[in-house]
C-alpha cells in the first residue's frame, strides 16, 4: 500500500491511509504540543523540550543531565526513568 502522507510503499500500515512512521510523527507532534503547553513531560519514550515541544531524542542519554534544545536552543533538565523487568527460571536439579 502507498501511504497517503509520505507517498512511500509500506507493507504494514497504521490505518488504511497512513503508515506507522507517519502515525508516529503525528503522535510526536501532538505530544510535543502538549509538553510545550504544560512545560513538562513525564515518562515519554523520547526527550521533548519543555519550552517548544521539539523532539530531542538522543540514544546516548542514560543518566540525568541538562540538554540544550536542538530547535529553540534553551537548556532544560532531563531525568531518565528506567522500566526494570525481571525474569525467573527454575534451577535445574531442584
Protein backbone atom coordinates (compact mmCIF):
# COMPACT_ATOMS: atom_id res chain seq x y z
CA UNK A 1 0.00 0.00 0.00
CA UNK A 2 1.05 3.60 -0.56
CA UNK A 3 0.97 5.95 2.44
CA UNK A 4 -1.25 8.94 1.65
CA UNK A 5 1.09 11.28 3.53
CA UNK A 6 4.67 10.28 2.66
CA UNK A 7 3.76 8.53 -0.61
CA UNK A 8 6.09 5.61 0.21
CA UNK A 9 5.27 1.97 -0.38
CA UNK A 10 4.62 0.36 3.01
CA UNK A 11 3.67 -3.22 3.71
CA UNK A 12 2.34 -2.52 7.20
CA UNK A 13 0.04 0.43 7.72
CA UNK A 14 -1.21 2.09 10.91
CA UNK A 15 -4.55 2.64 9.25
CA UNK A 16 -5.97 2.28 5.76
CA UNK A 17 -4.35 5.60 4.78
CA UNK A 18 -1.11 6.30 6.66
CA UNK A 19 1.98 4.28 7.57
CA UNK A 20 3.36 3.68 11.07
CA UNK A 21 6.15 6.25 10.58
CA UNK A 22 3.65 8.99 9.73
CA UNK A 23 1.41 7.88 12.59
CA UNK A 24 4.37 8.19 14.99
CA UNK A 25 5.17 11.66 13.59
CA UNK A 26 1.56 12.73 14.26
CA UNK A 27 1.71 11.37 17.82
CA UNK A 28 5.05 13.09 18.50
CA UNK A 29 3.72 16.39 17.18
CA UNK A 30 0.69 16.16 19.48
CA UNK A 31 2.86 15.13 22.46
CA UNK A 32 5.30 17.96 21.73
CA UNK A 33 2.47 20.48 21.66
CA UNK A 34 1.12 19.15 24.97
CA UNK A 35 4.60 19.24 26.56
CA UNK A 36 5.25 22.82 25.42
CA UNK A 37 1.88 23.92 26.78
CA UNK A 38 2.42 22.20 30.16
CA UNK A 39 6.13 23.00 30.39
CA UNK A 40 6.92 19.45 31.47
CA UNK A 41 6.73 15.82 30.36
CA UNK A 42 6.62 12.52 32.21
CA UNK A 43 7.67 9.02 31.18
CA UNK A 44 7.90 9.70 27.45
CA UNK A 45 9.82 7.44 25.05
CA UNK A 46 11.53 10.47 23.55
CA UNK A 47 13.02 13.64 25.01
CA UNK A 48 10.74 16.64 24.37
CA UNK A 49 11.82 20.21 25.03
CA UNK A 50 9.56 21.67 27.74
CA UNK A 51 9.78 25.09 26.07
CA UNK A 52 8.99 24.46 22.40
CA UNK A 53 7.97 20.77 22.37
CA UNK A 54 10.64 19.73 19.85
CA UNK A 55 11.74 16.10 19.99
CA UNK A 56 15.37 15.98 21.15
CA UNK A 57 15.82 12.22 21.11
CA UNK A 58 19.28 11.07 21.97
CA UNK A 59 20.04 7.38 22.45
CA UNK A 60 23.20 8.32 24.35
CA UNK A 61 21.35 9.84 27.33
CA UNK A 62 21.40 7.20 30.10
CA UNK A 63 21.54 9.38 33.20
CA UNK A 64 20.03 12.64 34.44
CA UNK A 65 21.54 15.58 32.60
CA UNK A 66 20.99 19.06 31.18
CA UNK A 67 20.31 19.31 27.43
CA UNK A 68 20.14 22.19 25.02
CA UNK A 69 17.17 22.01 22.66
CA UNK A 70 18.10 21.39 19.04
CA UNK A 71 15.40 23.82 17.93
CA UNK A 72 14.96 26.71 20.41
CA UNK A 73 18.44 26.32 21.98
CA UNK A 74 17.13 26.64 25.57
CA UNK A 75 18.62 24.48 28.33
CA UNK A 76 16.40 22.05 30.21
CA UNK A 77 16.76 19.21 32.71
CA UNK A 78 16.37 15.60 31.59
CA UNK A 79 15.51 12.93 34.13
CA UNK A 80 16.00 9.36 32.93
CA UNK A 81 13.45 6.80 34.12
CA UNK A 82 14.13 3.10 33.82
CA UNK A 83 11.45 0.46 33.46
CA UNK A 84 13.01 -2.58 35.09
CA UNK A 85 11.55 -6.01 34.40
CA UNK A 86 12.55 -9.30 35.97
CA UNK A 87 12.60 -12.86 34.64
CA UNK A 88 12.91 -16.00 36.73
CA UNK A 89 13.90 -19.55 35.83
CA UNK A 90 13.89 -22.79 37.72
CA UNK A 91 17.29 -24.06 38.75
CA UNK A 92 17.94 -27.48 37.24
CA UNK A 93 18.07 -30.36 39.71
CA UNK A 94 15.96 -28.75 42.44
